[in-house]
Structure formats: structure tokens, C-alpha cells
Amino acid sequence: MNDQVPEEAADIQAEEEQVSKELKACTFSVGGEVFSIPMEHVREIAEVSEIFPLPLTPPHVDGIVHLRGVAIPVINIARIKEIIEEQQKIKQLIVVDSDGEKFGIVVNERPDLKTEFSGELIDIQKFYETYRVA
């Protein structure tokens, strides 16, 4: 009995493995630097045009946005990392969850959902504890 898989069946199996790979990372760039967030923390990616400033907040807090009746604090990673980036009117907001607390990370370009991490990996719990709006 021949245990070899016919070449055509092997191609189909390889293609199915490619399609079924689980998304692991949300990657985005800020001023040419690449960052990744584990997918288990990403709740949504939304386009925003208006961020409402919050008085007396640290410089890395852009303000809040309202998404479906919920106020989401917005953190600007470019300011945290001291990256110079051109400001755009329409921005992308990566809404993440850290133990039930939601916040957004604002970026200029649409993030990518990938199977592999690239660039600097952001530890969401540590990031939230360090940069949250208290």
C-alpha cells in the first residue's frame, strides 16, 4: 500500500493550512516604526475624525471618542515614543481591551491583521497601567 499523498491533494492541503492560520497580531506603523498588539486584546478598528480633548490630561492623551454611546479614551503612541508624524484629519483607532478596560490607540494608517508579530510588541496590560487616564 502506498502512503504517499498525490501531489494535487498535497497542494490542496497546503492551501487549506495557509487559509486556516489564526490571526495573531494587529500591526501598525507610526512615523515609520512598526508595532504589534496581540489580537486577543483588539476589539475593533474604527475610523475617527473627531477626538474631543480632555482638560488636565497628560500630553500622550489626545482625548476621548464616542463609539456607539461609549466614551473611549484615546492614547497617542507617537507622543509616547517621541515620533514625529504628520497629523491627518481622518485617523484610525485601534480599540483594545485590558482586563475589561477599553481604550484606543490612534494611528494615521489602517492597521494590518496578521498571523505573525512584527516590530515592537506592545504588552497591553503594562501599556494600560502606564498610560491610562486616571
N, C-alpha and C. Protein backbone atom coordinates (compact mmCIF):
# COMPACT_ATOMS: atom_id res chain seq x y z
N MET A 1 0.84 -1.18 0.00
CA MET A 1 0.00 0.00 0.00
C MET A 1 0.88 1.24 0.00
N ASN A 2 0.54 2.21 -0.79
CA ASN A 2 1.35 3.41 -0.95
C ASN A 2 0.81 4.50 -0.02
N ASP A 3 1.66 5.00 0.92
CA ASP A 3 1.25 6.04 1.86
C ASP A 3 1.49 7.44 1.34
N GLN A 4 1.97 7.56 0.14
CA GLN A 4 2.24 8.89 -0.40
C GLN A 4 0.94 9.57 -0.82
N VAL A 5 0.85 10.88 -0.52
CA VAL A 5 -0.31 11.67 -0.89
C VAL A 5 -0.07 12.17 -2.31
N PRO A 6 -1.07 12.04 -3.19
CA PRO A 6 -0.88 12.56 -4.55
C PRO A 6 -0.53 14.05 -4.50
N GLU A 7 0.24 14.49 -5.47
CA GLU A 7 0.72 15.88 -5.50
C GLU A 7 -0.43 16.89 -5.45
N GLU A 8 -1.50 16.64 -6.16
CA GLU A 8 -2.65 17.55 -6.18
C GLU A 8 -3.29 17.65 -4.80
N ALA A 9 -3.43 16.54 -4.09
CA ALA A 9 -4.00 16.54 -2.74
C ALA A 9 -3.07 17.28 -1.77
N ALA A 10 -1.79 17.15 -1.95
CA ALA A 10 -0.82 17.84 -1.09
C ALA A 10 -0.93 19.35 -1.28
N ASP A 11 -1.13 19.80 -2.53
CA ASP A 11 -1.29 21.23 -2.80
C ASP A 11 -2.54 21.78 -2.13
N ILE A 12 -3.63 21.02 -2.19
CA ILE A 12 -4.88 21.45 -1.55
C ILE A 12 -4.70 21.51 -0.04
N GLN A 13 -4.04 20.52 0.53
CA GLN A 13 -3.80 20.51 1.98
C GLN A 13 -2.94 21.71 2.39
N ALA A 14 -1.90 22.03 1.65
CA ALA A 14 -1.04 23.18 1.95
C ALA A 14 -1.83 24.48 1.87
N GLU A 15 -2.73 24.58 0.87
CA GLU A 15 -3.55 25.79 0.72
C GLU A 15 -4.51 25.93 1.90
N GLU A 16 -5.12 24.84 2.34
CA GLU A 16 -6.03 24.88 3.48
C GLU A 16 -5.30 25.31 4.75
N GLU A 17 -4.07 24.85 4.94
CA GLU A 17 -3.29 25.25 6.11
C GLU A 17 -3.00 26.74 6.08
N GLN A 18 -2.73 27.30 4.90
CA GLN A 18 -2.49 28.73 4.77
C GLN A 18 -3.73 29.53 5.14
N VAL A 19 -4.90 29.11 4.65
CA VAL A 19 -6.14 29.83 4.89
C VAL A 19 -6.55 29.73 6.35
N SER A 20 -6.31 28.62 7.00
CA SER A 20 -6.81 28.40 8.35
C SER A 20 -5.88 28.95 9.43
N LYS A 21 -4.78 29.57 9.06
CA LYS A 21 -3.89 30.14 10.07
C LYS A 21 -4.64 31.20 10.86
N GLU A 22 -4.46 31.17 12.15
CA GLU A 22 -5.15 32.10 13.03
C GLU A 22 -4.43 33.45 13.07
N LEU A 23 -5.22 34.53 13.06
CA LEU A 23 -4.64 35.86 13.18
C LEU A 23 -4.07 36.02 14.58
N LYS A 24 -2.84 36.49 14.69
CA LYS A 24 -2.20 36.64 15.98
C LYS A 24 -1.92 38.09 16.34
N ALA A 25 -1.76 38.95 15.34
CA ALA A 25 -1.29 40.30 15.62
C ALA A 25 -2.01 41.36 14.81
N CYS A 26 -2.17 42.50 15.45
CA CYS A 26 -2.61 43.71 14.77
C CYS A 26 -1.36 44.56 14.68
N THR A 27 -0.87 44.79 13.47
CA THR A 27 0.35 45.56 13.30
C THR A 27 0.01 46.92 12.69
N PHE A 28 0.79 47.91 13.10
CA PHE A 28 0.57 49.27 12.59
C PHE A 28 1.89 50.01 12.63
N SER A 29 1.96 51.08 11.84
CA SER A 29 3.19 51.87 11.84
C SER A 29 2.87 53.29 12.27
N VAL A 30 3.82 53.87 12.95
CA VAL A 30 3.74 55.26 13.40
C VAL A 30 5.07 55.91 13.03
N GLY A 31 5.01 56.86 12.11
CA GLY A 31 6.23 57.53 11.68
C GLY A 31 7.30 56.59 11.19
N GLY A 32 6.92 55.50 10.55
CA GLY A 32 7.88 54.55 10.00
C GLY A 32 8.28 53.45 10.96
N GLU A 33 7.91 53.53 12.23
CA GLU A 33 8.20 52.47 13.19
C GLU A 33 7.00 51.54 13.27
N VAL A 34 7.28 50.24 13.36
CA VAL A 34 6.23 49.22 13.34
C VAL A 34 5.99 48.69 14.75
N PHE A 35 4.71 48.50 15.08
CA PHE A 35 4.30 47.99 16.38
C PHE A 35 3.29 46.87 16.18
N SER A 36 3.19 45.96 17.15
CA SER A 36 2.21 44.88 17.12
C SER A 36 1.47 44.79 18.44
N ILE A 37 0.20 44.44 18.35
CA ILE A 37 -0.64 44.20 19.52
C ILE A 37 -1.22 42.80 19.36
N PRO A 38 -1.19 41.97 20.41
CA PRO A 38 -1.82 40.64 20.31
C PRO A 38 -3.31 40.77 20.00
N MET A 39 -3.80 39.95 19.08
CA MET A 39 -5.19 40.03 18.62
C MET A 39 -6.20 39.81 19.75
N GLU A 40 -5.84 39.07 20.78
CA GLU A 40 -6.83 38.81 21.84
C GLU A 40 -7.23 40.09 22.58
N HIS A 41 -6.46 41.17 22.42
CA HIS A 41 -6.79 42.43 23.07
C HIS A 41 -7.52 43.41 22.14
N VAL A 42 -7.50 43.15 20.84
CA VAL A 42 -8.11 44.07 19.88
C VAL A 42 -9.61 43.82 19.81
N ARG A 43 -10.39 44.87 20.04
CA ARG A 43 -11.86 44.76 19.99
C ARG A 43 -12.41 45.24 18.66
N GLU A 44 -11.81 46.31 18.13
CA GLU A 44 -12.24 46.80 16.82
C GLU A 44 -11.25 47.83 16.30
N ILE A 45 -11.40 48.11 15.01
CA ILE A 45 -10.64 49.18 14.37
C ILE A 45 -11.68 50.10 13.77
N ALA A 46 -11.61 51.38 14.14
CA ALA A 46 -12.62 52.34 13.70
C ALA A 46 -11.95 53.56 13.10
N GLU A 47 -12.64 54.18 12.15
CA GLU A 47 -12.18 55.44 11.58
C GLU A 47 -12.79 56.57 12.40
N VAL A 48 -11.96 57.52 12.81
CA VAL A 48 -12.47 58.66 13.59
C VAL A 48 -11.98 59.96 12.97
N SER A 49 -12.85 60.96 13.03
CA SER A 49 -12.46 62.27 12.52
C SER A 49 -12.43 63.31 13.63
N GLU A 50 -13.11 63.01 14.73
CA GLU A 50 -13.16 63.98 15.82
C GLU A 50 -12.82 63.31 17.14
N ILE A 51 -11.79 63.85 17.78
CA ILE A 51 -11.39 63.42 19.12
C ILE A 51 -11.61 64.61 20.03
N PHE A 52 -12.38 64.41 21.07
CA PHE A 52 -12.70 65.51 21.99
C PHE A 52 -11.62 65.60 23.06
N PRO A 53 -10.93 66.75 23.16
CA PRO A 53 -9.85 66.89 24.14
C PRO A 53 -10.37 66.81 25.57
N LEU A 54 -9.54 66.30 26.44
CA LEU A 54 -9.84 66.25 27.87
C LEU A 54 -8.87 67.19 28.58
N PRO A 55 -9.40 68.16 29.32
CA PRO A 55 -8.51 69.08 30.03
C PRO A 55 -7.74 68.36 31.15
N LEU A 56 -6.55 68.88 31.42
CA LEU A 56 -5.71 68.40 32.52
C LEU A 56 -5.26 66.95 32.38
N THR A 57 -5.11 66.48 31.15
CA THR A 57 -4.59 65.13 30.92
C THR A 57 -3.15 65.21 30.43
N PRO A 58 -2.39 64.14 30.60
CA PRO A 58 -1.01 64.14 30.10
C PRO A 58 -0.95 64.34 28.59
N PRO A 59 0.18 64.77 28.06
CA PRO A 59 0.30 65.05 26.62
C PRO A 59 0.04 63.85 25.71
N HIS A 60 0.24 62.62 26.21
CA HIS A 60 0.02 61.44 25.36
C HIS A 60 -1.47 61.08 25.21
N VAL A 61 -2.35 61.79 25.93
CA VAL A 61 -3.79 61.55 25.82
C VAL A 61 -4.37 62.58 24.86
N ASP A 62 -4.88 62.10 23.71
CA ASP A 62 -5.49 63.01 22.73
C ASP A 62 -6.88 63.46 23.18
N GLY A 63 -7.56 62.63 23.96
CA GLY A 63 -8.90 62.95 24.42
C GLY A 63 -9.76 61.71 24.44
N ILE A 64 -11.05 61.87 24.08
CA ILE A 64 -11.96 60.74 24.01
C ILE A 64 -12.73 60.77 22.69
N VAL A 65 -13.19 59.60 22.30
CA VAL A 65 -14.11 59.48 21.16
C VAL A 65 -15.35 58.75 21.67
N HIS A 66 -16.44 58.97 20.98
CA HIS A 66 -17.68 58.28 21.32
C HIS A 66 -17.94 57.23 20.25
N LEU A 67 -17.94 55.96 20.66
CA LEU A 67 -18.24 54.86 19.75
C LEU A 67 -19.47 54.13 20.27
N ARG A 68 -20.55 54.21 19.52
CA ARG A 68 -21.81 53.56 19.89
C ARG A 68 -22.21 53.86 21.33
N GLY A 69 -22.11 55.13 21.72
CA GLY A 69 -22.55 55.57 23.03
C GLY A 69 -21.57 55.33 24.17
N VAL A 70 -20.37 54.86 23.86
CA VAL A 70 -19.35 54.62 24.88
C VAL A 70 -18.19 55.58 24.67
N ALA A 71 -17.76 56.24 25.74
CA ALA A 71 -16.61 57.14 25.66
C ALA A 71 -15.33 56.31 25.80
N ILE A 72 -14.47 56.42 24.81
CA ILE A 72 -13.22 55.66 24.78
C ILE A 72 -12.05 56.65 24.87
N PRO A 73 -11.19 56.53 25.90
CA PRO A 73 -10.01 57.40 25.95
C PRO A 73 -9.05 57.05 24.81
N VAL A 74 -8.40 58.07 24.26
CA VAL A 74 -7.52 57.89 23.10
C VAL A 74 -6.08 58.23 23.49
N ILE A 75 -5.20 57.27 23.28
CA ILE A 75 -3.78 57.42 23.58
C ILE A 75 -3.03 57.61 22.26
N ASN A 76 -2.09 58.55 22.24
CA ASN A 76 -1.30 58.82 21.05
C ASN A 76 0.10 58.23 21.25
N ILE A 77 0.34 57.11 20.60
CA ILE A 77 1.61 56.40 20.77
C ILE A 77 2.78 57.19 20.18
N ALA A 78 2.52 58.05 19.19
CA ALA A 78 3.60 58.87 18.61
C ALA A 78 4.18 59.80 19.68
N ARG A 79 3.32 60.35 20.53
CA ARG A 79 3.82 61.22 21.61
C ARG A 79 4.57 60.43 22.66
N ILE A 80 4.11 59.24 22.97
CA ILE A 80 4.79 58.40 23.97
C ILE A 80 6.19 58.06 23.50
N LYS A 81 6.30 57.65 22.24
CA LYS A 81 7.58 57.21 21.68
C LYS A 81 8.40 58.37 21.10
N GLU A 82 7.86 59.59 21.21
CA GLU A 82 8.52 60.79 20.67
C GLU A 82 8.84 60.64 19.18
N ILE A 83 7.82 60.22 18.44
CA ILE A 83 7.94 60.04 17.00
C ILE A 83 7.22 61.21 16.32
N ILE A 84 7.91 61.83 15.39
CA ILE A 84 7.27 62.92 14.64
C ILE A 84 6.46 62.29 13.52
N GLU A 85 5.18 62.65 13.49
CA GLU A 85 4.29 62.10 12.49
C GLU A 85 3.33 63.19 12.03
N GLU A 86 3.09 63.22 10.74
CA GLU A 86 2.16 64.19 10.16
C GLU A 86 0.74 63.89 10.67
N GLN A 87 0.06 64.93 11.13
CA GLN A 87 -1.31 64.77 11.62
C GLN A 87 -2.29 64.75 10.45
N GLN A 88 -3.25 63.85 10.51
CA GLN A 88 -4.27 63.74 9.48
C GLN A 88 -5.64 63.93 10.09
N LYS A 89 -6.57 64.43 9.30
CA LYS A 89 -7.92 64.67 9.80
C LYS A 89 -8.64 63.37 10.14
N ILE A 90 -8.61 62.41 9.23
CA ILE A 90 -9.22 61.11 9.46
C ILE A 90 -8.14 60.18 10.00
N LYS A 91 -8.42 59.58 11.16
CA LYS A 91 -7.44 58.70 11.79
C LYS A 91 -8.07 57.33 12.04
N GLN A 92 -7.21 56.37 12.27
CA GLN A 92 -7.65 55.03 12.61
C GLN A 92 -7.49 54.85 14.11
N LEU A 93 -8.48 54.23 14.73
CA LEU A 93 -8.43 53.99 16.16
C LEU A 93 -8.47 52.48 16.39
N ILE A 94 -7.44 51.98 17.06
CA ILE A 94 -7.41 50.58 17.44
C ILE A 94 -7.97 50.51 18.86
N VAL A 95 -9.15 49.96 19.00
CA VAL A 95 -9.78 49.86 20.32
C VAL A 95 -9.33 48.54 20.93
N VAL A 96 -8.69 48.64 22.09
CA VAL A 96 -8.17 47.45 22.77
C VAL A 96 -8.81 47.32 24.15
N ASP A 97 -8.67 46.13 24.70
CA ASP A 97 -9.26 45.82 26.00
C ASP A 97 -8.16 45.27 26.90
N SER A 98 -8.05 45.86 28.08
CA SER A 98 -7.11 45.38 29.09
C SER A 98 -7.90 45.06 30.33
N ASP A 99 -8.18 43.79 30.53
CA ASP A 99 -8.96 43.32 31.70
C ASP A 99 -10.27 44.09 31.86
N GLY A 100 -11.01 44.25 30.78
CA GLY A 100 -12.31 44.90 30.84
C GLY A 100 -12.28 46.41 30.65
N GLU A 101 -11.11 47.01 30.63
CA GLU A 101 -10.97 48.46 30.42
C GLU A 101 -10.62 48.71 28.96
N LYS A 102 -11.47 49.46 28.27
CA LYS A 102 -11.22 49.76 26.86
C LYS A 102 -10.55 51.11 26.71
N PHE A 103 -9.63 51.18 25.74
CA PHE A 103 -9.03 52.44 25.35
C PHE A 103 -8.61 52.31 23.89
N GLY A 104 -8.32 53.45 23.28
CA GLY A 104 -7.95 53.45 21.87
C GLY A 104 -6.53 53.94 21.66
N ILE A 105 -5.89 53.39 20.66
CA ILE A 105 -4.58 53.86 20.23
C ILE A 105 -4.79 54.44 18.84
N VAL A 106 -4.46 55.72 18.68
CA VAL A 106 -4.72 56.41 17.42
C VAL A 106 -3.50 56.31 16.51
N VAL A 107 -3.78 56.01 15.22
CA VAL A 107 -2.73 55.92 14.20
C VAL A 107 -3.26 56.54 12.92
N ASN A 108 -2.37 56.93 12.03
CA ASN A 108 -2.78 57.57 10.78
C ASN A 108 -3.22 56.57 9.70
N GLU A 109 -2.58 55.41 9.65
CA GLU A 109 -2.86 54.44 8.59
C GLU A 109 -3.61 53.24 9.14
N ARG A 110 -4.39 52.62 8.29
CA ARG A 110 -5.17 51.45 8.70
C ARG A 110 -4.22 50.32 9.13
N PRO A 111 -4.45 49.76 10.32
CA PRO A 111 -3.61 48.64 10.80
C PRO A 111 -3.84 47.38 9.98
N ASP A 112 -2.87 46.48 10.03
CA ASP A 112 -2.97 45.18 9.35
C ASP A 112 -3.22 44.10 10.38
N LEU A 113 -4.01 43.12 10.01
CA LEU A 113 -4.23 41.95 10.84
C LEU A 113 -3.40 40.83 10.23
N LYS A 114 -2.50 40.26 11.04
CA LYS A 114 -1.53 39.30 10.50
C LYS A 114 -1.45 38.05 11.37
N THR A 115 -0.79 37.07 10.81
CA THR A 115 -0.57 35.83 11.55
C THR A 115 0.73 35.88 12.36
N GLU A 116 1.57 36.84 12.08
CA GLU A 116 2.85 36.95 12.79
C GLU A 116 3.04 38.36 13.33
N PHE A 117 3.78 38.46 14.42
CA PHE A 117 4.12 39.75 15.01
C PHE A 117 5.28 40.37 14.25
N SER A 118 5.31 41.70 14.19
CA SER A 118 6.47 42.38 13.62
C SER A 118 6.67 43.69 14.37
N GLY A 119 7.86 44.19 14.35
CA GLY A 119 8.16 45.42 15.06
C GLY A 119 8.13 45.23 16.57
N GLU A 120 7.87 46.32 17.28
CA GLU A 120 7.84 46.29 18.75
C GLU A 120 6.50 45.74 19.24
N LEU A 121 6.56 44.72 20.07
CA LEU A 121 5.35 44.13 20.64
C LEU A 121 4.90 44.96 21.85
N ILE A 122 3.64 45.36 21.86
CA ILE A 122 3.10 46.15 22.96
C ILE A 122 2.39 45.22 23.93
N ASP A 123 2.83 45.21 25.17
CA ASP A 123 2.17 44.47 26.25
C ASP A 123 1.01 45.34 26.72
N ILE A 124 -0.22 44.98 26.37
CA ILE A 124 -1.38 45.83 26.60
C ILE A 124 -1.63 46.10 28.08
N GLN A 125 -1.51 45.09 28.95
CA GLN A 125 -1.74 45.34 30.38
C GLN A 125 -0.74 46.35 30.93
N LYS A 126 0.52 46.17 30.60
CA LYS A 126 1.56 47.10 31.07
C LYS A 126 1.35 48.49 30.47
N PHE A 127 1.02 48.53 29.19
CA PHE A 127 0.77 49.79 28.50
C PHE A 127 -0.38 50.54 29.16
N TYR A 128 -1.47 49.83 29.45
CA TYR A 128 -2.64 50.46 30.09
C TYR A 128 -2.29 50.99 31.48
N GLU A 129 -1.60 50.20 32.26
CA GLU A 129 -1.23 50.64 33.61
C GLU A 129 -0.32 51.87 33.58
N THR A 130 0.54 51.94 32.59
CA THR A 130 1.47 53.06 32.49
C THR A 130 0.81 54.32 31.94
N TYR A 131 -0.05 54.20 30.94
CA TYR A 131 -0.55 55.37 30.21
C TYR A 131 -2.05 55.63 30.37
N ARG A 132 -2.72 54.92 31.23
CA ARG A 132 -4.17 55.11 31.37
C ARG A 132 -4.52 56.51 31.87
N VAL A 133 -5.76 56.87 31.59
CA VAL A 133 -6.28 58.16 32.07
C VAL A 133 -6.89 57.87 33.44
N ALA A 134 -6.26 58.40 34.47
CA ALA A 134 -6.72 58.10 35.85
C ALA A 134 -7.79 59.05 36.28
